[in-house]
Amino acid sequence: MESQVKVNEEEVRYKQAIYLFLQKFYAGDLNKLTRETWVQLSSFLSQETSYFSNGNMKQGTEILSELNDSYINELEYEFNRLFVGPKRLEASPYESTYRNSERALMQGDTLAVRRFYEHAGLAVSRKNIDPDDHLALELEFVCHLLSNSVEEEDCFVLYQEFLKQHLFHWVEEHCELIRERTENTVLIGISYLLQGLMEVERKQLNIQRRLKK
């Protein structure tokens, strides 16, 4: 029987590049880049995102192409204030904090993410220390699934299910919270890029966003 799953290899390549950039950002790997490097990255992202013709993605890359030194210099501080601590996280990067009223980590929502990883034969390197539902880890998981999706249909199906059961439930709210809590244009540009990517994924899977009342 012919498979009903259609994998567009070119589209997968573009998506994987954008997801990888976002994963590196949320892992904290881009906090010390120079303005020149950000300009180069924004040019690369403009090429990758143009494939999808999404307004928020375009806005995000335009913002990242016009950064000034003051926002770049304060990026690490703002990144830590929003995502790391030590005080209350202004825009938590953990799925659990958006999906349970107690905002507690390492509970049912985190373990549900872990089960997806295990289904793909993966595990967090510091299991039970680093919560599995950190956005950097979830984006890394998506990158892994996309990198194998052309050759392995199961990976493509798992990637779609992970979007539907996890990322779609909280990432866009996270992006909007970033824009409420900071004026740093690096973070704002990232938030539009990520939100636009989720919009592309929703449109392709024909899943509408249900906003909280």
N, C-alpha and C. Protein backbone atom coordinates (compact mmCIF):
# COMPACT_ATOMS: atom_id res chain seq x y z
N MET A 1 0.84 -1.20 0.00
CA MET A 1 0.00 0.00 0.00
C MET A 1 0.88 1.25 0.00
N GLU A 2 0.51 2.22 -0.81
CA GLU A 2 1.31 3.45 -0.90
C GLU A 2 1.13 4.29 0.36
N SER A 3 2.22 4.84 0.87
CA SER A 3 2.16 5.68 2.07
C SER A 3 1.35 6.94 1.81
N GLN A 4 0.61 7.36 2.86
CA GLN A 4 -0.17 8.59 2.77
C GLN A 4 0.64 9.80 3.25
N VAL A 5 1.84 9.57 3.77
CA VAL A 5 2.69 10.65 4.26
C VAL A 5 3.55 11.17 3.11
N LYS A 6 3.43 12.46 2.83
CA LYS A 6 4.21 13.07 1.75
C LYS A 6 5.26 14.00 2.36
N VAL A 7 6.51 13.70 2.13
CA VAL A 7 7.61 14.49 2.68
C VAL A 7 8.22 15.33 1.57
N ASN A 8 8.17 16.64 1.73
CA ASN A 8 8.77 17.56 0.79
C ASN A 8 10.21 17.80 1.26
N GLU A 9 11.17 17.23 0.58
CA GLU A 9 12.56 17.28 1.04
C GLU A 9 13.09 18.71 1.11
N GLU A 10 12.75 19.54 0.14
CA GLU A 10 13.22 20.92 0.15
C GLU A 10 12.65 21.68 1.34
N GLU A 11 11.38 21.50 1.58
CA GLU A 11 10.73 22.17 2.72
C GLU A 11 11.33 21.71 4.03
N VAL A 12 11.58 20.42 4.15
CA VAL A 12 12.19 19.89 5.36
C VAL A 12 13.54 20.53 5.61
N ARG A 13 14.32 20.72 4.57
CA ARG A 13 15.65 21.34 4.73
C ARG A 13 15.53 22.76 5.26
N TYR A 14 14.59 23.54 4.71
CA TYR A 14 14.41 24.91 5.18
C TYR A 14 13.95 24.94 6.63
N LYS A 15 12.99 24.10 6.95
CA LYS A 15 12.49 24.07 8.33
C LYS A 15 13.59 23.66 9.30
N GLN A 16 14.35 22.66 8.92
CA GLN A 16 15.40 22.17 9.81
C GLN A 16 16.42 23.27 10.12
N ALA A 17 16.75 24.06 9.12
CA ALA A 17 17.71 25.16 9.33
C ALA A 17 17.17 26.18 10.32
N ILE A 18 15.88 26.51 10.21
CA ILE A 18 15.29 27.50 11.11
C ILE A 18 15.17 26.94 12.52
N TYR A 19 14.72 25.69 12.62
CA TYR A 19 14.62 25.06 13.94
C TYR A 19 15.99 24.98 14.60
N LEU A 20 17.02 24.66 13.84
CA LEU A 20 18.36 24.54 14.42
C LEU A 20 18.85 25.88 14.94
N PHE A 21 18.61 26.95 14.19
CA PHE A 21 18.98 28.28 14.66
C PHE A 21 18.27 28.60 15.98
N LEU A 22 16.97 28.34 16.04
CA LEU A 22 16.20 28.63 17.25
C LEU A 22 16.66 27.76 18.42
N GLN A 23 17.02 26.52 18.13
CA GLN A 23 17.51 25.64 19.20
C GLN A 23 18.81 26.19 19.78
N LYS A 24 19.71 26.63 18.91
CA LYS A 24 20.98 27.20 19.39
C LYS A 24 20.73 28.45 20.23
N PHE A 25 19.75 29.23 19.83
CA PHE A 25 19.44 30.44 20.60
C PHE A 25 18.94 30.07 21.99
N TYR A 26 17.96 29.17 22.07
CA TYR A 26 17.40 28.84 23.38
C TYR A 26 18.35 28.04 24.25
N ALA A 27 19.35 27.41 23.65
CA ALA A 27 20.39 26.74 24.43
C ALA A 27 21.38 27.75 25.01
N GLY A 28 21.28 29.02 24.61
CA GLY A 28 22.17 30.06 25.12
C GLY A 28 23.46 30.18 24.35
N ASP A 29 23.54 29.57 23.17
CA ASP A 29 24.80 29.55 22.41
C ASP A 29 25.05 30.83 21.62
N LEU A 30 24.05 31.70 21.50
CA LEU A 30 24.19 32.88 20.65
C LEU A 30 24.26 34.19 21.44
N ASN A 31 24.41 34.11 22.74
CA ASN A 31 24.33 35.31 23.58
C ASN A 31 25.51 36.26 23.43
N LYS A 32 26.63 35.79 22.92
CA LYS A 32 27.83 36.62 22.87
C LYS A 32 28.27 36.93 21.43
N LEU A 33 27.36 36.83 20.48
CA LEU A 33 27.71 37.10 19.10
C LEU A 33 27.90 38.59 18.85
N THR A 34 28.72 38.92 17.88
CA THR A 34 28.92 40.31 17.50
C THR A 34 27.79 40.77 16.58
N ARG A 35 27.71 42.07 16.39
CA ARG A 35 26.70 42.61 15.49
C ARG A 35 26.91 42.10 14.07
N GLU A 36 28.16 41.99 13.64
CA GLU A 36 28.46 41.51 12.29
C GLU A 36 27.95 40.09 12.09
N THR A 37 28.08 39.25 13.13
CA THR A 37 27.60 37.88 13.02
C THR A 37 26.08 37.84 12.96
N TRP A 38 25.43 38.71 13.74
CA TRP A 38 23.97 38.77 13.68
C TRP A 38 23.49 39.20 12.31
N VAL A 39 24.21 40.12 11.69
CA VAL A 39 23.85 40.56 10.33
C VAL A 39 23.94 39.39 9.36
N GLN A 40 25.01 38.60 9.48
CA GLN A 40 25.17 37.43 8.62
C GLN A 40 24.07 36.40 8.87
N LEU A 41 23.74 36.19 10.13
CA LEU A 41 22.69 35.23 10.46
C LEU A 41 21.33 35.68 9.93
N SER A 42 21.06 36.98 10.05
CA SER A 42 19.76 37.49 9.58
C SER A 42 19.64 37.35 8.07
N SER A 43 20.76 37.52 7.35
CA SER A 43 20.74 37.34 5.91
C SER A 43 20.44 35.88 5.56
N PHE A 44 21.08 34.97 6.28
CA PHE A 44 20.82 33.54 6.09
C PHE A 44 19.36 33.21 6.39
N LEU A 45 18.84 33.75 7.50
CA LEU A 45 17.46 33.46 7.88
C LEU A 45 16.47 34.03 6.88
N SER A 46 16.77 35.19 6.32
CA SER A 46 15.89 35.78 5.31
C SER A 46 15.71 34.85 4.13
N GLN A 47 16.80 34.22 3.73
CA GLN A 47 16.73 33.27 2.61
C GLN A 47 15.92 32.04 2.98
N GLU A 48 16.14 31.52 4.18
CA GLU A 48 15.45 30.30 4.60
C GLU A 48 13.95 30.54 4.81
N THR A 49 13.60 31.67 5.44
CA THR A 49 12.20 31.93 5.76
C THR A 49 11.39 32.39 4.56
N SER A 50 12.05 32.94 3.53
CA SER A 50 11.32 33.42 2.36
C SER A 50 10.57 32.28 1.66
N TYR A 51 11.00 31.07 1.87
CA TYR A 51 10.34 29.91 1.27
C TYR A 51 8.88 29.81 1.74
N PHE A 52 8.60 30.28 2.97
CA PHE A 52 7.28 30.07 3.57
C PHE A 52 6.35 31.28 3.46
N SER A 53 6.86 32.44 3.12
CA SER A 53 6.04 33.65 2.93
C SER A 53 5.13 33.90 4.13
N ASN A 54 5.69 33.88 5.32
CA ASN A 54 4.92 34.13 6.53
C ASN A 54 5.26 35.51 7.09
N GLY A 55 4.24 36.28 7.43
CA GLY A 55 4.45 37.66 7.88
C GLY A 55 5.27 37.79 9.14
N ASN A 56 5.00 36.97 10.15
CA ASN A 56 5.74 37.07 11.41
C ASN A 56 7.19 36.64 11.23
N MET A 57 7.43 35.61 10.42
CA MET A 57 8.81 35.21 10.17
C MET A 57 9.58 36.32 9.46
N LYS A 58 8.94 36.94 8.50
CA LYS A 58 9.58 38.04 7.78
C LYS A 58 9.87 39.20 8.73
N GLN A 59 8.91 39.54 9.59
CA GLN A 59 9.12 40.62 10.55
C GLN A 59 10.27 40.29 11.48
N GLY A 60 10.35 39.04 11.92
CA GLY A 60 11.44 38.64 12.81
C GLY A 60 12.81 38.80 12.18
N THR A 61 12.95 38.37 10.93
CA THR A 61 14.25 38.49 10.26
C THR A 61 14.59 39.94 9.97
N GLU A 62 13.60 40.76 9.69
CA GLU A 62 13.86 42.18 9.47
C GLU A 62 14.35 42.86 10.74
N ILE A 63 13.75 42.52 11.87
CA ILE A 63 14.19 43.08 13.15
C ILE A 63 15.63 42.66 13.45
N LEU A 64 15.94 41.40 13.20
CA LEU A 64 17.29 40.90 13.48
C LEU A 64 18.34 41.49 12.56
N SER A 65 17.92 41.99 11.40
CA SER A 65 18.88 42.59 10.47
C SER A 65 19.21 44.04 10.83
N GLU A 66 18.46 44.62 11.78
CA GLU A 66 18.63 46.03 12.11
C GLU A 66 19.03 46.24 13.57
N LEU A 67 19.72 45.27 14.15
CA LEU A 67 20.09 45.35 15.56
C LEU A 67 21.14 46.42 15.79
N ASN A 68 21.06 47.07 16.97
CA ASN A 68 22.14 47.97 17.35
C ASN A 68 22.93 47.36 18.50
N ASP A 69 24.09 47.93 18.74
CA ASP A 69 25.02 47.34 19.71
C ASP A 69 24.46 47.29 21.13
N SER A 70 23.64 48.24 21.51
CA SER A 70 23.14 48.26 22.88
C SER A 70 22.27 47.05 23.17
N TYR A 71 21.41 46.67 22.23
CA TYR A 71 20.56 45.50 22.44
C TYR A 71 21.38 44.21 22.41
N ILE A 72 22.40 44.18 21.57
CA ILE A 72 23.26 42.99 21.52
C ILE A 72 24.06 42.86 22.81
N ASN A 73 24.55 43.98 23.32
CA ASN A 73 25.35 43.94 24.55
C ASN A 73 24.54 43.52 25.76
N GLU A 74 23.26 43.83 25.77
CA GLU A 74 22.43 43.48 26.92
C GLU A 74 21.70 42.14 26.75
N LEU A 75 21.95 41.46 25.64
CA LEU A 75 21.21 40.24 25.33
C LEU A 75 21.36 39.19 26.41
N GLU A 76 22.59 38.94 26.85
CA GLU A 76 22.79 37.87 27.83
C GLU A 76 22.03 38.16 29.12
N TYR A 77 22.06 39.42 29.57
CA TYR A 77 21.33 39.79 30.78
C TYR A 77 19.83 39.56 30.60
N GLU A 78 19.28 40.02 29.47
CA GLU A 78 17.84 39.87 29.23
C GLU A 78 17.46 38.40 29.03
N PHE A 79 18.31 37.65 28.35
CA PHE A 79 18.09 36.22 28.17
C PHE A 79 17.96 35.54 29.53
N ASN A 80 18.87 35.84 30.44
CA ASN A 80 18.83 35.23 31.77
C ASN A 80 17.62 35.71 32.56
N ARG A 81 17.28 36.97 32.43
CA ARG A 81 16.13 37.51 33.18
C ARG A 81 14.83 36.83 32.74
N LEU A 82 14.68 36.62 31.46
CA LEU A 82 13.45 36.02 30.95
C LEU A 82 13.41 34.51 31.09
N PHE A 83 14.55 33.85 30.85
CA PHE A 83 14.53 32.40 30.67
C PHE A 83 15.27 31.58 31.72
N VAL A 84 16.18 32.21 32.48
CA VAL A 84 17.07 31.44 33.35
C VAL A 84 16.86 31.71 34.83
N GLY A 85 16.76 32.95 35.22
CA GLY A 85 16.66 33.29 36.64
C GLY A 85 17.90 34.06 37.09
N PRO A 86 18.15 34.21 38.40
CA PRO A 86 17.61 33.40 39.49
C PRO A 86 16.21 33.79 39.97
N LYS A 87 15.73 34.97 39.58
CA LYS A 87 14.41 35.38 40.01
C LYS A 87 13.34 34.67 39.17
N ARG A 88 12.09 34.99 39.44
CA ARG A 88 10.98 34.38 38.70
C ARG A 88 11.17 34.61 37.21
N LEU A 89 11.01 33.57 36.41
CA LEU A 89 11.23 33.67 34.98
C LEU A 89 10.14 34.51 34.34
N GLU A 90 10.55 35.52 33.59
CA GLU A 90 9.59 36.42 32.97
C GLU A 90 8.88 35.79 31.78
N ALA A 91 9.55 34.88 31.09
CA ALA A 91 8.93 34.18 29.94
C ALA A 91 9.50 32.76 29.94
N SER A 92 8.98 31.95 30.81
CA SER A 92 9.52 30.61 31.02
C SER A 92 9.68 29.83 29.72
N PRO A 93 10.82 29.15 29.53
CA PRO A 93 11.02 28.30 28.36
C PRO A 93 10.61 26.86 28.60
N TYR A 94 9.87 26.60 29.69
CA TYR A 94 9.44 25.25 30.03
C TYR A 94 7.96 25.06 29.72
N GLU A 95 7.65 24.03 28.97
CA GLU A 95 6.27 23.75 28.58
C GLU A 95 5.35 23.63 29.79
N SER A 96 5.81 22.97 30.85
CA SER A 96 4.97 22.70 32.01
C SER A 96 4.36 23.95 32.61
N THR A 97 5.11 25.05 32.58
CA THR A 97 4.63 26.26 33.24
C THR A 97 3.45 26.89 32.51
N TYR A 98 3.19 26.45 31.29
CA TYR A 98 2.04 26.95 30.53
C TYR A 98 0.87 25.98 30.55
N ARG A 99 1.12 24.76 31.01
CA ARG A 99 0.11 23.72 30.84
C ARG A 99 -0.44 23.15 32.15
N ASN A 100 0.08 23.59 33.29
CA ASN A 100 -0.55 23.19 34.55
C ASN A 100 -0.63 24.39 35.47
N SER A 101 -1.68 24.44 36.24
CA SER A 101 -1.98 25.62 37.05
C SER A 101 -0.93 25.88 38.12
N GLU A 102 -0.23 24.84 38.55
CA GLU A 102 0.81 25.01 39.58
C GLU A 102 2.12 25.52 39.00
N ARG A 103 2.24 25.53 37.67
CA ARG A 103 3.48 25.94 36.98
C ARG A 103 4.66 25.10 37.46
N ALA A 104 4.40 23.84 37.79
CA ALA A 104 5.43 22.97 38.36
C ALA A 104 6.15 22.19 37.27
N LEU A 105 7.47 22.03 37.47
CA LEU A 105 8.29 21.26 36.54
C LEU A 105 8.37 19.80 36.97
N MET A 106 8.82 18.96 36.05
CA MET A 106 9.05 17.53 36.30
C MET A 106 7.78 16.82 36.77
N GLN A 107 6.64 17.26 36.23
CA GLN A 107 5.37 16.61 36.52
C GLN A 107 4.87 15.90 35.26
N GLY A 108 3.57 15.70 35.17
CA GLY A 108 3.01 14.92 34.07
C GLY A 108 3.32 15.46 32.69
N ASP A 109 3.30 16.78 32.53
CA ASP A 109 3.57 17.37 31.22
C ASP A 109 5.01 17.09 30.78
N THR A 110 5.93 17.21 31.73
CA THR A 110 7.33 16.94 31.42
C THR A 110 7.54 15.48 31.05
N LEU A 111 6.89 14.60 31.78
CA LEU A 111 7.04 13.17 31.51
C LEU A 111 6.41 12.77 30.19
N ALA A 112 5.36 13.48 29.78
CA ALA A 112 4.75 13.21 28.47
C ALA A 112 5.72 13.53 27.35
N VAL A 113 6.49 14.61 27.53
CA VAL A 113 7.54 14.95 26.55
C VAL A 113 8.61 13.86 26.54
N ARG A 114 9.00 13.41 27.72
CA ARG A 114 10.02 12.37 27.83
C ARG A 114 9.62 11.11 27.07
N ARG A 115 8.34 10.78 27.13
CA ARG A 115 7.88 9.57 26.43
C ARG A 115 8.06 9.69 24.92
N PHE A 116 7.89 10.90 24.40
CA PHE A 116 8.16 11.11 22.97
C PHE A 116 9.63 10.84 22.67
N TYR A 117 10.51 11.40 23.51
CA TYR A 117 11.94 11.18 23.31
C TYR A 117 12.27 9.69 23.33
N GLU A 118 11.71 9.00 24.32
CA GLU A 118 12.00 7.57 24.47
C GLU A 118 11.49 6.78 23.28
N HIS A 119 10.35 7.19 22.73
CA HIS A 119 9.79 6.50 21.57
C HIS A 119 10.75 6.58 20.38
N ALA A 120 11.52 7.67 20.32
CA ALA A 120 12.51 7.85 19.25
C ALA A 120 13.87 7.30 19.64
N GLY A 121 13.97 6.68 20.82
CA GLY A 121 15.24 6.11 21.27
C GLY A 121 16.20 7.13 21.84
N LEU A 122 15.67 8.24 22.35
CA LEU A 122 16.50 9.33 22.87
C LEU A 122 16.21 9.57 24.35
N ALA A 123 17.15 10.23 25.01
CA ALA A 123 16.98 10.63 26.41
C ALA A 123 17.80 11.88 26.68
N VAL A 124 17.32 12.71 27.58
CA VAL A 124 18.07 13.90 28.00
C VAL A 124 19.35 13.44 28.69
N SER A 125 20.46 14.09 28.38
CA SER A 125 21.75 13.64 28.91
C SER A 125 21.80 13.71 30.43
N ARG A 126 21.16 14.73 31.02
CA ARG A 126 21.12 14.84 32.48
C ARG A 126 19.70 14.57 32.95
N LYS A 127 19.25 13.37 32.72
CA LYS A 127 17.88 12.95 33.03
C LYS A 127 17.56 13.16 34.50
N ASN A 128 16.37 13.69 34.77
CA ASN A 128 15.87 14.00 36.11
C ASN A 128 16.60 15.17 36.77
N ILE A 129 17.49 15.82 36.02
CA ILE A 129 18.14 17.05 36.49
C ILE A 129 17.68 18.21 35.60
N ASP A 130 17.84 18.05 34.29
CA ASP A 130 17.33 19.04 33.34
C ASP A 130 15.93 18.61 32.90
N PRO A 131 14.91 19.44 33.14
CA PRO A 131 13.56 19.08 32.71
C PRO A 131 13.50 18.85 31.20
N ASP A 132 12.86 17.77 30.81
CA ASP A 132 12.79 17.38 29.40
C ASP A 132 12.05 18.38 28.54
N ASP A 133 11.21 19.22 29.16
CA ASP A 133 10.34 20.10 28.37
C ASP A 133 10.88 21.52 28.21
N HIS A 134 12.20 21.70 28.38
CA HIS A 134 12.81 22.99 28.04
C HIS A 134 12.73 23.17 26.53
N LEU A 135 12.47 24.39 26.09
CA LEU A 135 12.26 24.63 24.67
C LEU A 135 13.48 24.25 23.83
N ALA A 136 14.68 24.47 24.35
CA ALA A 136 15.88 24.09 23.60
C ALA A 136 15.90 22.59 23.32
N LEU A 137 15.48 21.80 24.29
CA LEU A 137 15.45 20.34 24.11
C LEU A 137 14.34 19.93 23.16
N GLU A 138 13.19 20.57 23.26
CA GLU A 138 12.09 20.23 22.36
C GLU A 138 12.44 20.59 20.92
N LEU A 139 13.10 21.73 20.72
CA LEU A 139 13.51 22.11 19.37
C LEU A 139 14.61 21.18 18.85
N GLU A 140 15.49 20.75 19.72
CA GLU A 140 16.52 19.79 19.31
C GLU A 140 15.88 18.48 18.88
N PHE A 141 14.84 18.07 19.58
CA PHE A 141 14.13 16.85 19.23
C PHE A 141 13.48 16.98 17.85
N VAL A 142 12.87 18.12 17.58
CA VAL A 142 12.27 18.36 16.27
C VAL A 142 13.34 18.30 15.17
N CYS A 143 14.50 18.91 15.44
CA CYS A 143 15.60 18.85 14.46
C CYS A 143 16.00 17.41 14.17
N HIS A 144 16.07 16.60 15.22
CA HIS A 144 16.43 15.19 15.06
C HIS A 144 15.41 14.48 14.18
N LEU A 145 14.14 14.71 14.46
CA LEU A 145 13.09 14.03 13.68
C LEU A 145 13.11 14.48 12.23
N LEU A 146 13.29 15.78 12.00
CA LEU A 146 13.32 16.26 10.62
C LEU A 146 14.53 15.72 9.86
N SER A 147 15.66 15.62 10.54
CA SER A 147 16.87 15.15 9.87
C SER A 147 16.74 13.70 9.40
N ASN A 148 15.83 12.96 10.03
CA ASN A 148 15.63 11.55 9.67
C ASN A 148 14.33 11.30 8.92
N SER A 149 13.55 12.36 8.72
CA SER A 149 12.19 12.18 8.21
C SER A 149 12.14 11.79 6.74
N VAL A 150 13.14 12.17 5.96
CA VAL A 150 13.11 11.84 4.54
C VAL A 150 13.29 10.35 4.33
N GLU A 151 14.16 9.75 5.16
CA GLU A 151 14.43 8.32 5.03
C GLU A 151 13.50 7.46 5.88
N GLU A 152 12.99 8.02 6.97
CA GLU A 152 12.18 7.24 7.90
C GLU A 152 10.82 7.90 8.09
N GLU A 153 9.80 7.29 7.53
CA GLU A 153 8.45 7.85 7.61
C GLU A 153 7.98 8.00 9.05
N ASP A 154 8.36 7.06 9.92
CA ASP A 154 7.94 7.12 11.31
C ASP A 154 8.40 8.41 11.98
N CYS A 155 9.59 8.88 11.61
CA CYS A 155 10.10 10.12 12.19
C CYS A 155 9.25 11.32 11.78
N PHE A 156 8.82 11.33 10.54
CA PHE A 156 7.99 12.43 10.06
C PHE A 156 6.64 12.42 10.77
N VAL A 157 6.05 11.26 10.96
CA VAL A 157 4.78 11.14 11.68
C VAL A 157 4.95 11.58 13.13
N LEU A 158 6.05 11.17 13.77
CA LEU A 158 6.31 11.54 15.15
C LEU A 158 6.52 13.04 15.29
N TYR A 159 7.19 13.64 14.33
CA TYR A 159 7.39 15.09 14.31
C TYR A 159 6.05 15.82 14.27
N GLN A 160 5.14 15.37 13.42
CA GLN A 160 3.83 16.01 13.34
C GLN A 160 3.05 15.84 14.65
N GLU A 161 3.12 14.65 15.24
CA GLU A 161 2.41 14.40 16.49
C GLU A 161 2.99 15.22 17.64
N PHE A 162 4.30 15.42 17.64
CA PHE A 162 4.92 16.21 18.71
C PHE A 162 4.49 17.66 18.61
N LEU A 163 4.39 18.18 17.41
CA LEU A 163 3.86 19.53 17.24
C LEU A 163 2.45 19.63 17.80
N LYS A 164 1.61 18.69 17.43
CA LYS A 164 0.20 18.75 17.80
C LYS A 164 -0.01 18.55 19.30
N GLN A 165 0.76 17.67 19.90
CA GLN A 165 0.55 17.36 21.31
C GLN A 165 1.34 18.24 22.27
N HIS A 166 2.37 18.93 21.75
CA HIS A 166 3.22 19.71 22.65
C HIS A 166 3.45 21.15 22.18
N LEU A 167 4.23 21.38 21.16
CA LEU A 167 4.62 22.75 20.81
C LEU A 167 3.42 23.66 20.54
N PHE A 168 2.41 23.15 19.87
CA PHE A 168 1.24 23.97 19.56
C PHE A 168 0.49 24.44 20.80
N HIS A 169 0.70 23.77 21.93
CA HIS A 169 -0.07 24.09 23.13
C HIS A 169 0.52 25.25 23.94
N TRP A 170 1.74 25.71 23.58
CA TRP A 170 2.31 26.72 24.47
C TRP A 170 3.30 27.69 23.82
N VAL A 171 3.90 27.34 22.71
CA VAL A 171 5.01 28.14 22.18
C VAL A 171 4.55 29.54 21.74
N GLU A 172 3.39 29.65 21.13
CA GLU A 172 2.94 30.97 20.69
C GLU A 172 2.64 31.89 21.87
N GLU A 173 2.08 31.33 22.94
CA GLU A 173 1.87 32.11 24.15
C GLU A 173 3.20 32.57 24.72
N HIS A 174 4.18 31.71 24.69
CA HIS A 174 5.53 32.05 25.14
C HIS A 174 6.09 33.23 24.32
N CYS A 175 5.90 33.19 23.01
CA CYS A 175 6.41 34.26 22.14
C CYS A 175 5.75 35.60 22.46
N GLU A 176 4.46 35.58 22.70
CA GLU A 176 3.74 36.81 23.03
C GLU A 176 4.19 37.35 24.39
N LEU A 177 4.47 36.45 25.31
CA LEU A 177 4.95 36.86 26.63
C LEU A 177 6.31 37.54 26.53
N ILE A 178 7.17 37.06 25.66
CA ILE A 178 8.47 37.71 25.45
C ILE A 178 8.27 39.17 25.07
N ARG A 179 7.36 39.42 24.13
CA ARG A 179 7.14 40.80 23.66
C ARG A 179 6.51 41.68 24.72
N GLU A 180 5.83 41.07 25.68
CA GLU A 180 5.27 41.84 26.80
C GLU A 180 6.33 42.21 27.83
N ARG A 181 7.36 41.38 27.96
CA ARG A 181 8.28 41.50 29.10
C ARG A 181 9.64 42.08 28.77
N THR A 182 9.91 42.36 27.49
CA THR A 182 11.22 42.94 27.16
C THR A 182 11.11 43.90 25.99
N GLU A 183 12.05 44.82 25.92
CA GLU A 183 12.17 45.72 24.77
C GLU A 183 13.39 45.37 23.93
N ASN A 184 14.09 44.30 24.30
CA ASN A 184 15.29 43.90 23.58
C ASN A 184 14.90 43.37 22.20
N THR A 185 15.43 44.00 21.16
CA THR A 185 15.00 43.66 19.81
C THR A 185 15.51 42.30 19.34
N VAL A 186 16.60 41.79 19.93
CA VAL A 186 17.04 40.45 19.58
C VAL A 186 15.97 39.45 19.99
N LEU A 187 15.53 39.54 21.23
CA LEU A 187 14.52 38.64 21.75
C LEU A 187 13.18 38.82 21.02
N ILE A 188 12.84 40.05 20.72
CA ILE A 188 11.59 40.31 20.01
C ILE A 188 11.64 39.71 18.61
N GLY A 189 12.77 39.88 17.92
CA GLY A 189 12.92 39.29 16.60
C GLY A 189 12.80 37.77 16.64
N ILE A 190 13.43 37.15 17.64
CA ILE A 190 13.35 35.70 17.80
C ILE A 190 11.90 35.28 18.03
N SER A 191 11.17 36.05 18.85
CA SER A 191 9.79 35.68 19.17
C SER A 191 8.91 35.68 17.93
N TYR A 192 9.11 36.66 17.05
CA TYR A 192 8.32 36.70 15.81
C TYR A 192 8.71 35.54 14.88
N LEU A 193 9.99 35.24 14.82
CA LEU A 193 10.46 34.15 13.97
C LEU A 193 9.86 32.82 14.43
N LEU A 194 9.91 32.57 15.72
CA LEU A 194 9.39 31.32 16.27
C LEU A 194 7.87 31.23 16.13
N GLN A 195 7.19 32.33 16.42
CA GLN A 195 5.73 32.32 16.30
C GLN A 195 5.32 32.09 14.84
N GLY A 196 6.02 32.72 13.92
CA GLY A 196 5.72 32.53 12.52
C GLY A 196 5.93 31.10 12.07
N LEU A 197 6.96 30.45 12.61
CA LEU A 197 7.21 29.06 12.28
C LEU A 197 6.07 28.17 12.76
N MET A 198 5.56 28.45 13.96
CA MET A 198 4.42 27.69 14.45
C MET A 198 3.18 27.91 13.59
N GLU A 199 3.01 29.13 13.10
CA GLU A 199 1.87 29.42 12.22
C GLU A 199 1.97 28.63 10.92
N VAL A 200 3.17 28.54 10.38
CA VAL A 200 3.39 27.74 9.16
C VAL A 200 3.03 26.28 9.43
N GLU A 201 3.51 25.77 10.56
CA GLU A 201 3.24 24.37 10.89
C GLU A 201 1.74 24.13 11.08
N ARG A 202 1.07 25.04 11.76
CA ARG A 202 -0.37 24.90 11.97
C ARG A 202 -1.12 24.90 10.64
N LYS A 203 -0.76 25.82 9.78
CA LYS A 203 -1.45 25.93 8.49
C LYS A 203 -1.29 24.65 7.69
N GLN A 204 -0.09 24.09 7.69
CA GLN A 204 0.15 22.89 6.92
C GLN A 204 -0.57 21.68 7.50
N LEU A 205 -0.74 21.66 8.82
CA LEU A 205 -1.46 20.56 9.46
C LEU A 205 -2.95 20.89 9.62
N ASN A 206 -3.33 22.10 9.19
CA ASN A 206 -4.73 22.54 9.23
C ASN A 206 -5.28 22.48 10.66
N ILE A 207 -4.51 23.04 11.59
CA ILE A 207 -4.91 23.08 12.99
C ILE A 207 -4.99 24.53 13.44
N GLN A 208 -6.16 24.95 13.87
CA GLN A 208 -6.35 26.34 14.30
C GLN A 208 -5.87 26.51 15.73
N ARG A 209 -5.41 27.70 16.01
CA ARG A 209 -5.01 28.02 17.37
C ARG A 209 -6.23 28.39 18.19
N ARG A 210 -6.34 27.82 19.37
CA ARG A 210 -7.45 28.12 20.28
C ARG A 210 -6.91 29.01 21.40
N LEU A 211 -7.22 30.27 21.31
CA LEU A 211 -6.73 31.23 22.30
C LEU A 211 -7.47 31.06 23.61
N LYS A 212 -6.75 31.26 24.70
CA LYS A 212 -7.38 31.19 26.03
C LYS A 212 -8.31 32.37 26.22
N LYS A 213 -9.45 32.12 26.84
CA LYS A 213 -10.41 33.19 27.12
C LYS A 213 -9.98 33.96 28.36
